[in-house]
Amino acid sequence: MVLNDIICNYEGISIKVINSMTNAKLFVDGKLLDQWNSFNAPIFKSLVLKVVNVPFKSGAKTIQVYCKSGLFSVKLMVCVDDEHIGGEKI
């Protein structure tokens, strides 16, 4: 069961994050580059996915995905070099 499905583009590169009950996956241009497996989402903002040296037009950058759970929800925030580009700002 998918809880969150975030798709965003940054400098022409597609970034997709899929979050289910037991894991989160980070795809860059359709390729799975990082995965996080856990039955417990963090209650504080935590870095759960990260890919370094992604070749963007403006140079190599890092993609980060942060996660934070609430009582009945899980929030995801996608960043490139700490700049929010998708998902909920947490």
PDB file of N, CA and C in Angstrom:
ATOM      1  N   MET A   1       0.832  -1.171   0.000  1.00  0.00           N
ATOM      2  CA  MET A   1       0.000   0.000   0.000  1.00  0.00           C
ATOM      3  C   MET A   1       0.892   1.254   0.000  1.00  0.00           C
ATOM      4  N   VAL A   2       0.757   2.092  -1.003  1.00  0.00           N
ATOM      5  CA  VAL A   2       1.549   3.317  -1.129  1.00  0.00           C
ATOM      6  C   VAL A   2       0.892   4.423  -0.309  1.00  0.00           C
ATOM      7  N   LEU A   3       1.667   5.061   0.563  1.00  0.00           N
ATOM      8  CA  LEU A   3       1.171   6.170   1.379  1.00  0.00           C
ATOM      9  C   LEU A   3       1.427   7.512   0.709  1.00  0.00           C
ATOM     10  N   ASN A   4       2.612   7.674   0.153  1.00  0.00           N
ATOM     11  CA  ASN A   4       3.002   8.915  -0.521  1.00  0.00           C
ATOM     12  C   ASN A   4       3.696   8.573  -1.825  1.00  0.00           C
ATOM     13  N   ASP A   5       3.411   9.354  -2.837  1.00  0.00           N
ATOM     14  CA  ASP A   5       4.054   9.216  -4.136  1.00  0.00           C
ATOM     15  C   ASP A   5       4.354  10.636  -4.599  1.00  0.00           C
ATOM     16  N   ILE A   6       5.621  11.015  -4.547  1.00  0.00           N
ATOM     17  CA  ILE A   6       6.016  12.379  -4.897  1.00  0.00           C
ATOM     18  C   ILE A   6       6.851  12.342  -6.175  1.00  0.00           C
ATOM     19  N   ILE A   7       6.460  13.155  -7.135  1.00  0.00           N
ATOM     20  CA  ILE A   7       7.221  13.272  -8.384  1.00  0.00           C
ATOM     21  C   ILE A   7       7.535  14.743  -8.588  1.00  0.00           C
ATOM     22  N   CYS A   8       8.816  15.048  -8.796  1.00  0.00           N
ATOM     23  CA  CYS A   8       9.213  16.420  -9.077  1.00  0.00           C
ATOM     24  C   CYS A   8      10.354  16.414 -10.086  1.00  0.00           C
ATOM     25  N   ASN A   9      10.534  17.532 -10.723  1.00  0.00           N
ATOM     26  CA  ASN A   9      11.617  17.695 -11.689  1.00  0.00           C
ATOM     27  C   ASN A   9      12.524  18.817 -11.232  1.00  0.00           C
ATOM     28  N   TYR A  10      13.803  18.610 -11.430  1.00  0.00           N
ATOM     29  CA  TYR A  10      14.787  19.626 -11.077  1.00  0.00           C
ATOM     30  C   TYR A  10      15.820  19.655 -12.197  1.00  0.00           C
ATOM     31  N   GLU A  11      15.903  20.796 -12.874  1.00  0.00           N
ATOM     32  CA  GLU A  11      16.835  20.969 -13.992  1.00  0.00           C
ATOM     33  C   GLU A  11      16.709  19.842 -15.010  1.00  0.00           C
ATOM     34  N   GLY A  12      15.474  19.430 -15.294  1.00  0.00           N
ATOM     35  CA  GLY A  12      15.222  18.420 -16.326  1.00  0.00           C
ATOM     36  C   GLY A  12      15.373  16.981 -15.869  1.00  0.00           C
ATOM     37  N   ILE A  13      15.698  16.755 -14.605  1.00  0.00           N
ATOM     38  CA  ILE A  13      15.852  15.395 -14.087  1.00  0.00           C
ATOM     39  C   ILE A  13      14.633  15.054 -13.233  1.00  0.00           C
ATOM     40  N   SER A  14      14.050  13.888 -13.493  1.00  0.00           N
ATOM     41  CA  SER A  14      12.874  13.435 -12.768  1.00  0.00           C
ATOM     42  C   SER A  14      13.286  12.770 -11.451  1.00  0.00           C
ATOM     43  N   ILE A  15      12.665  13.209 -10.366  1.00  0.00           N
ATOM     44  CA  ILE A  15      12.919  12.652  -9.035  1.00  0.00           C
ATOM     45  C   ILE A  15      11.593  12.125  -8.511  1.00  0.00           C
ATOM     46  N   LYS A  16      11.574  10.863  -8.120  1.00  0.00           N
ATOM     47  CA  LYS A  16      10.347  10.237  -7.631  1.00  0.00           C
ATOM     48  C   LYS A  16      10.623   9.530  -6.317  1.00  0.00           C
ATOM     49  N   VAL A  17       9.744   9.753  -5.348  1.00  0.00           N
ATOM     50  CA  VAL A  17       9.837   9.091  -4.048  1.00  0.00           C
ATOM     51  C   VAL A  17       8.527   8.351  -3.818  1.00  0.00           C
ATOM     52  N   ILE A  18       8.639   7.074  -3.503  1.00  0.00           N
ATOM     53  CA  ILE A  18       7.474   6.259  -3.183  1.00  0.00           C
ATOM     54  C   ILE A  18       7.634   5.778  -1.751  1.00  0.00           C
ATOM     55  N   ASN A  19       6.623   6.043  -0.937  1.00  0.00           N
ATOM     56  CA  ASN A  19       6.645   5.637   0.461  1.00  0.00           C
ATOM     57  C   ASN A  19       5.483   4.679   0.718  1.00  0.00           C
ATOM     58  N   SER A  20       5.790   3.521   1.284  1.00  0.00           N
ATOM     59  CA  SER A  20       4.752   2.556   1.644  1.00  0.00           C
ATOM     60  C   SER A  20       4.798   2.325   3.148  1.00  0.00           C
ATOM     61  N   MET A  21       4.055   1.354   3.625  1.00  0.00           N
ATOM     62  CA  MET A  21       4.000   1.069   5.063  1.00  0.00           C
ATOM     63  C   MET A  21       5.352   0.611   5.611  1.00  0.00           C
ATOM     64  N   THR A  22       6.187  -0.005   4.790  1.00  0.00           N
ATOM     65  CA  THR A  22       7.429  -0.599   5.303  1.00  0.00           C
ATOM     66  C   THR A  22       8.703  -0.047   4.682  1.00  0.00           C
ATOM     67  N   ASN A  23       8.607   0.816   3.657  1.00  0.00           N
ATOM     68  CA  ASN A  23       9.833   1.333   3.060  1.00  0.00           C
ATOM     69  C   ASN A  23       9.598   2.612   2.275  1.00  0.00           C
ATOM     70  N   ALA A  24      10.680   3.225   1.876  1.00  0.00           N
ATOM     71  CA  ALA A  24      10.661   4.386   0.995  1.00  0.00           C
ATOM     72  C   ALA A  24      11.721   4.153  -0.074  1.00  0.00           C
ATOM     73  N   LYS A  25      11.418   4.564  -1.301  1.00  0.00           N
ATOM     74  CA  LYS A  25      12.346   4.371  -2.418  1.00  0.00           C
ATOM     75  C   LYS A  25      12.532   5.684  -3.157  1.00  0.00           C
ATOM     76  N   LEU A  26      13.775   5.937  -3.578  1.00  0.00           N
ATOM     77  CA  LEU A  26      14.126   7.142  -4.320  1.00  0.00           C
ATOM     78  C   LEU A  26      14.581   6.752  -5.722  1.00  0.00           C
ATOM     79  N   PHE A  27      13.869   7.268  -6.714  1.00  0.00           N
ATOM     80  CA  PHE A  27      14.194   7.023  -8.114  1.00  0.00           C
ATOM     81  C   PHE A  27      14.662   8.324  -8.750  1.00  0.00           C
ATOM     82  N   VAL A  28      15.719   8.260  -9.543  1.00  0.00           N
ATOM     83  CA  VAL A  28      16.196   9.405 -10.309  1.00  0.00           C
ATOM     84  C   VAL A  28      16.199   8.983 -11.764  1.00  0.00           C
ATOM     85  N   ASP A  29      15.417   9.689 -12.582  1.00  0.00           N
ATOM     86  CA  ASP A  29      15.216   9.331 -13.992  1.00  0.00           C
ATOM     87  C   ASP A  29      14.867   7.851 -14.150  1.00  0.00           C
ATOM     88  N   GLY A  30      13.989   7.365 -13.290  1.00  0.00           N
ATOM     89  CA  GLY A  30      13.481   5.997 -13.382  1.00  0.00           C
ATOM     90  C   GLY A  30      14.355   4.919 -12.772  1.00  0.00           C
ATOM     91  N   LYS A  31      15.525   5.278 -12.272  1.00  0.00           N
ATOM     92  CA  LYS A  31      16.435   4.290 -11.682  1.00  0.00           C
ATOM     93  C   LYS A  31      16.369   4.347 -10.156  1.00  0.00           C
ATOM     94  N   LEU A  32      16.195   3.191  -9.522  1.00  0.00           N
ATOM     95  CA  LEU A  32      16.180   3.111  -8.070  1.00  0.00           C
ATOM     96  C   LEU A  32      17.601   3.325  -7.557  1.00  0.00           C
ATOM     97  N   LEU A  33      17.806   4.418  -6.794  1.00  0.00           N
ATOM     98  CA  LEU A  33      19.149   4.739  -6.315  1.00  0.00           C
ATOM     99  C   LEU A  33      19.305   4.645  -4.803  1.00  0.00           C
ATOM    100  N   ASP A  34      18.200   4.641  -4.071  1.00  0.00           N
ATOM    101  CA  ASP A  34      18.299   4.470  -2.618  1.00  0.00           C
ATOM    102  C   ASP A  34      16.987   3.920  -2.098  1.00  0.00           C
ATOM    103  N   GLN A  35      17.087   3.186  -0.991  1.00  0.00           N
ATOM    104  CA  GLN A  35      15.916   2.570  -0.386  1.00  0.00           C
ATOM    105  C   GLN A  35      16.091   2.552   1.119  1.00  0.00           C
ATOM    106  N   TRP A  36      15.011   2.771   1.837  1.00  0.00           N
ATOM    107  CA  TRP A  36      15.012   2.765   3.298  1.00  0.00           C
ATOM    108  C   TRP A  36      13.929   1.805   3.753  1.00  0.00           C
ATOM    109  N   ASN A  37      14.279   0.849   4.582  1.00  0.00           N
ATOM    110  CA  ASN A  37      13.325  -0.149   5.066  1.00  0.00           C
ATOM    111  C   ASN A  37      13.155  -0.010   6.564  1.00  0.00           C
ATOM    112  N   SER A  38      11.912   0.200   6.983  1.00  0.00           N
ATOM    113  CA  SER A  38      11.627   0.298   8.407  1.00  0.00           C
ATOM    114  C   SER A  38      10.125   0.204   8.626  1.00  0.00           C
ATOM    115  N   PHE A  39       9.746  -0.396   9.723  1.00  0.00           N
ATOM    116  CA  PHE A  39       8.337  -0.441  10.089  1.00  0.00           C
ATOM    117  C   PHE A  39       7.940   0.802  10.881  1.00  0.00           C
ATOM    118  N   ASN A  40       8.918   1.572  11.352  1.00  0.00           N
ATOM    119  CA  ASN A  40       8.648   2.744  12.174  1.00  0.00           C
ATOM    120  C   ASN A  40       9.194   4.000  11.507  1.00  0.00           C
ATOM    121  N   ALA A  41       8.303   4.909  11.160  1.00  0.00           N
ATOM    122  CA  ALA A  41       8.728   6.190  10.616  1.00  0.00           C
ATOM    123  C   ALA A  41       9.183   7.082  11.773  1.00  0.00           C
ATOM    124  N   PRO A  42      10.211   7.893  11.568  1.00  0.00           N
ATOM    125  CA  PRO A  42      10.703   8.753  12.647  1.00  0.00           C
ATOM    126  C   PRO A  42       9.692   9.829  13.021  1.00  0.00           C
ATOM    127  N   ILE A  43       9.586  10.139  14.316  1.00  0.00           N
ATOM    128  CA  ILE A  43       8.646  11.175  14.754  1.00  0.00           C
ATOM    129  C   ILE A  43       9.247  12.575  14.646  1.00  0.00           C
ATOM    130  N   PHE A  44      10.560  12.659  14.516  1.00  0.00           N
ATOM    131  CA  PHE A  44      11.230  13.933  14.280  1.00  0.00           C
ATOM    132  C   PHE A  44      11.752  13.929  12.849  1.00  0.00           C
ATOM    133  N   LYS A  45      11.949  15.114  12.273  1.00  0.00           N
ATOM    134  CA  LYS A  45      12.484  15.223  10.912  1.00  0.00           C
ATOM    135  C   LYS A  45      13.806  14.467  10.829  1.00  0.00           C
ATOM    136  N   SER A  46      13.866  13.481   9.939  1.00  0.00           N
ATOM    137  CA  SER A  46      15.065  12.652   9.794  1.00  0.00           C
ATOM    138  C   SER A  46      15.372  12.414   8.320  1.00  0.00           C
ATOM    139  N   LEU A  47      16.654  12.404   7.998  1.00  0.00           N
ATOM    140  CA  LEU A  47      17.106  12.075   6.653  1.00  0.00           C
ATOM    141  C   LEU A  47      16.976  10.567   6.466  1.00  0.00           C
ATOM    142  N   VAL A  48      16.182  10.141   5.472  1.00  0.00           N
ATOM    143  CA  VAL A  48      15.984   8.707   5.263  1.00  0.00           C
ATOM    144  C   VAL A  48      16.530   8.222   3.915  1.00  0.00           C
ATOM    145  N   LEU A  49      16.640   9.113   2.941  1.00  0.00           N
ATOM    146  CA  LEU A  49      17.181   8.744   1.628  1.00  0.00           C
ATOM    147  C   LEU A  49      18.152   9.829   1.167  1.00  0.00           C
ATOM    148  N   LYS A  50      19.230   9.396   0.503  1.00  0.00           N
ATOM    149  CA  LYS A  50      20.229  10.367   0.048  1.00  0.00           C
ATOM    150  C   LYS A  50      20.999   9.790  -1.130  1.00  0.00           C
ATOM    151  N   VAL A  51      21.179  10.616  -2.149  1.00  0.00           N
ATOM    152  CA  VAL A  51      22.007  10.253  -3.298  1.00  0.00           C
ATOM    153  C   VAL A  51      22.939  11.427  -3.572  1.00  0.00           C
ATOM    154  N   VAL A  52      24.235  11.151  -3.635  1.00  0.00           N
ATOM    155  CA  VAL A  52      25.222  12.211  -3.862  1.00  0.00           C
ATOM    156  C   VAL A  52      25.720  12.193  -5.301  1.00  0.00           C
ATOM    157  N   ASN A  53      26.267  13.307  -5.722  1.00  0.00           N
ATOM    158  CA  ASN A  53      26.879  13.465  -7.047  1.00  0.00           C
ATOM    159  C   ASN A  53      25.926  13.182  -8.201  1.00  0.00           C
ATOM    160  N   VAL A  54      24.686  13.675  -8.092  1.00  0.00           N
ATOM    161  CA  VAL A  54      23.734  13.566  -9.200  1.00  0.00           C
ATOM    162  C   VAL A  54      24.090  14.650 -10.202  1.00  0.00           C
ATOM    163  N   PRO A  55      24.317  14.274 -11.482  1.00  0.00           N
ATOM    164  CA  PRO A  55      24.783  15.253 -12.480  1.00  0.00           C
ATOM    165  C   PRO A  55      23.655  16.137 -13.015  1.00  0.00           C
ATOM    166  N   PHE A  56      23.447  17.288 -12.400  1.00  0.00           N
ATOM    167  CA  PHE A  56      22.484  18.262 -12.887  1.00  0.00           C
ATOM    168  C   PHE A  56      23.185  19.214 -13.853  1.00  0.00           C
ATOM    169  N   LYS A  57      22.398  20.033 -14.554  1.00  0.00           N
ATOM    170  CA  LYS A  57      22.974  20.989 -15.514  1.00  0.00           C
ATOM    171  C   LYS A  57      23.945  21.951 -14.839  1.00  0.00           C
ATOM    172  N   SER A  58      23.637  22.319 -13.600  1.00  0.00           N
ATOM    173  CA  SER A  58      24.481  23.288 -12.894  1.00  0.00           C
ATOM    174  C   SER A  58      25.608  22.629 -12.092  1.00  0.00           C
ATOM    175  N   GLY A  59      25.769  21.330 -12.259  1.00  0.00           N
ATOM    176  CA  GLY A  59      26.844  20.619 -11.560  1.00  0.00           C
ATOM    177  C   GLY A  59      26.308  19.500 -10.680  1.00  0.00           C
ATOM    178  N   ALA A  60      27.214  18.759 -10.075  1.00  0.00           N
ATOM    179  CA  ALA A  60      26.841  17.627  -9.225  1.00  0.00           C
ATOM    180  C   ALA A  60      26.217  18.123  -7.926  1.00  0.00           C
ATOM    181  N   LYS A  61      25.090  17.522  -7.574  1.00  0.00           N
ATOM    182  CA  LYS A  61      24.368  17.924  -6.367  1.00  0.00           C
ATOM    183  C   LYS A  61      23.901  16.684  -5.606  1.00  0.00           C
ATOM    184  N   THR A  62      23.408  16.909  -4.396  1.00  0.00           N
ATOM    185  CA  THR A  62      22.921  15.838  -3.536  1.00  0.00           C
ATOM    186  C   THR A  62      21.403  15.935  -3.398  1.00  0.00           C
ATOM    187  N   ILE A  63      20.730  14.803  -3.550  1.00  0.00           N
ATOM    188  CA  ILE A  63      19.288  14.724  -3.325  1.00  0.00           C
ATOM    189  C   ILE A  63      19.074  14.125  -1.942  1.00  0.00           C
ATOM    190  N   GLN A  64      18.242  14.796  -1.150  1.00  0.00           N
ATOM    191  CA  GLN A  64      17.928  14.307   0.189  1.00  0.00           C
ATOM    192  C   GLN A  64      16.409  14.179   0.331  1.00  0.00           C
ATOM    193  N   VAL A  65      15.986  13.135   1.053  1.00  0.00           N
ATOM    194  CA  VAL A  65      14.568  12.972   1.380  1.00  0.00           C
ATOM    195  C   VAL A  65      14.467  12.856   2.896  1.00  0.00           C
ATOM    196  N   TYR A  66      13.671  13.751   3.466  1.00  0.00           N
ATOM    197  CA  TYR A  66      13.447  13.761   4.905  1.00  0.00           C
ATOM    198  C   TYR A  66      12.052  13.217   5.194  1.00  0.00           C
ATOM    199  N   CYS A  67      11.898  12.594   6.349  1.00  0.00           N
ATOM    200  CA  CYS A  67      10.641  11.983   6.743  1.00  0.00           C
ATOM    201  C   CYS A  67      10.295  12.413   8.163  1.00  0.00           C
ATOM    202  N   LYS A  68       9.010  12.567   8.407  1.00  0.00           N
ATOM    203  CA  LYS A  68       8.514  12.855   9.753  1.00  0.00           C
ATOM    204  C   LYS A  68       7.113  12.271   9.851  1.00  0.00           C
ATOM    205  N   SER A  69       6.856  11.535  10.921  1.00  0.00           N
ATOM    206  CA  SER A  69       5.524  10.944  11.083  1.00  0.00           C
ATOM    207  C   SER A  69       4.725  11.707  12.123  1.00  0.00           C
ATOM    208  N   GLY A  70       3.424  11.717  11.893  1.00  0.00           N
ATOM    209  CA  GLY A  70       2.494  12.277  12.859  1.00  0.00           C
ATOM    210  C   GLY A  70       1.670  11.143  13.434  1.00  0.00           C
ATOM    211  N   LEU A  71       0.596  11.483  14.067  1.00  0.00           N
ATOM    212  CA  LEU A  71      -0.240  10.465  14.685  1.00  0.00           C
ATOM    213  C   LEU A  71      -0.835   9.521  13.645  1.00  0.00           C
ATOM    214  N   PHE A  72      -1.317  10.084  12.527  1.00  0.00           N
ATOM    215  CA  PHE A  72      -1.949   9.261  11.495  1.00  0.00           C
ATOM    216  C   PHE A  72      -1.379   9.485  10.099  1.00  0.00           C
ATOM    217  N   SER A  73      -0.243  10.172   9.995  1.00  0.00           N
ATOM    218  CA  SER A  73       0.286  10.478   8.674  1.00  0.00           C
ATOM    219  C   SER A  73       1.806  10.438   8.656  1.00  0.00           C
ATOM    220  N   VAL A  74       2.348  10.345   7.448  1.00  0.00           N
ATOM    221  CA  VAL A  74       3.788  10.416   7.238  1.00  0.00           C
ATOM    222  C   VAL A  74       4.040  11.519   6.216  1.00  0.00           C
ATOM    223  N   LYS A  75       4.925  12.452   6.547  1.00  0.00           N
ATOM    224  CA  LYS A  75       5.259  13.548   5.646  1.00  0.00           C
ATOM    225  C   LYS A  75       6.646  13.322   5.070  1.00  0.00           C
ATOM    226  N   LEU A  76       6.802  13.620   3.789  1.00  0.00           N
ATOM    227  CA  LEU A  76       8.089  13.527   3.114  1.00  0.00           C
ATOM    228  C   LEU A  76       8.434  14.869   2.501  1.00  0.00           C
ATOM    229  N   MET A  77       9.715  15.218   2.546  1.00  0.00           N
ATOM    230  CA  MET A  77      10.205  16.434   1.934  1.00  0.00           C
ATOM    231  C   MET A  77      11.408  16.085   1.067  1.00  0.00           C
ATOM    232  N   VAL A  78      11.374  16.495  -0.195  1.00  0.00           N
ATOM    233  CA  VAL A  78      12.468  16.241  -1.135  1.00  0.00           C
ATOM    234  C   VAL A  78      13.272  17.525  -1.296  1.00  0.00           C
ATOM    235  N   CYS A  79      14.593  17.404  -1.172  1.00  0.00           N
ATOM    236  CA  CYS A  79      15.492  18.557  -1.293  1.00  0.00           C
ATOM    237  C   CYS A  79      16.638  18.235  -2.252  1.00  0.00           C
ATOM    238  N   VAL A  80      17.158  19.265  -2.891  1.00  0.00           N
ATOM    239  CA  VAL A  80      18.401  19.170  -3.654  1.00  0.00           C
ATOM    240  C   VAL A  80      19.353  20.172  -3.016  1.00  0.00           C
ATOM    241  N   ASP A  81      20.460  19.665  -2.508  1.00  0.00           N
ATOM    242  CA  ASP A  81      21.416  20.502  -1.761  1.00  0.00           C
ATOM    243  C   ASP A  81      20.688  21.361  -0.722  1.00  0.00           C
ATOM    244  N   ASP A  82      19.823  20.727   0.050  1.00  0.00           N
ATOM    245  CA  ASP A  82      19.052  21.348   1.141  1.00  0.00           C
ATOM    246  C   ASP A  82      18.022  22.378   0.686  1.00  0.00           C
ATOM    247  N   GLU A  83      17.731  22.478  -0.613  1.00  0.00           N
ATOM    248  CA  GLU A  83      16.675  23.355  -1.123  1.00  0.00           C
ATOM    249  C   GLU A  83      15.421  22.514  -1.331  1.00  0.00           C
ATOM    250  N   HIS A  84      14.324  22.884  -0.680  1.00  0.00           N
ATOM    251  CA  HIS A  84      13.056  22.159  -0.803  1.00  0.00           C
ATOM    252  C   HIS A  84      12.541  22.239  -2.240  1.00  0.00           C
ATOM    253  N   ILE A  85      12.283  21.075  -2.861  1.00  0.00           N
ATOM    254  CA  ILE A  85      11.767  21.072  -4.238  1.00  0.00           C
ATOM    255  C   ILE A  85      10.480  20.261  -4.377  1.00  0.00           C
ATOM    256  N   GLY A  86      10.106  19.480  -3.364  1.00  0.00           N
ATOM    257  CA  GLY A  86       8.893  18.684  -3.484  1.00  0.00           C
ATOM    258  C   GLY A  86       8.441  18.104  -2.164  1.00  0.00           C
ATOM    259  N   GLY A  87       7.190  17.670  -2.139  1.00  0.00           N
ATOM    260  CA  GLY A  87       6.620  17.133  -0.919  1.00  0.00           C
ATOM    261  C   GLY A  87       6.269  18.256   0.043  1.00  0.00           C
ATOM    262  N   GLU A  88       5.988  17.884   1.275  1.00  0.00           N
ATOM    263  CA  GLU A  88       5.608  18.864   2.285  1.00  0.00           C
ATOM    264  C   GLU A  88       6.850  19.415   2.986  1.00  0.00           C
ATOM    265  N   LYS A  89       6.850  20.697   3.236  1.00  0.00           N
ATOM    266  CA  LYS A  89       7.978  21.302   3.953  1.00  0.00           C
ATOM    267  C   LYS A  89       7.852  20.953   5.433  1.00  0.00           C
ATOM    268  N   ILE A  90       8.872  20.269   5.937  1.00  0.00           N
ATOM    269  CA  ILE A  90       8.830  19.849   7.351  1.00  0.00           C
ATOM    270  C   ILE A  90      10.062  20.344   8.096  1.00  0.00           C
TER     271      ILE A  90
END
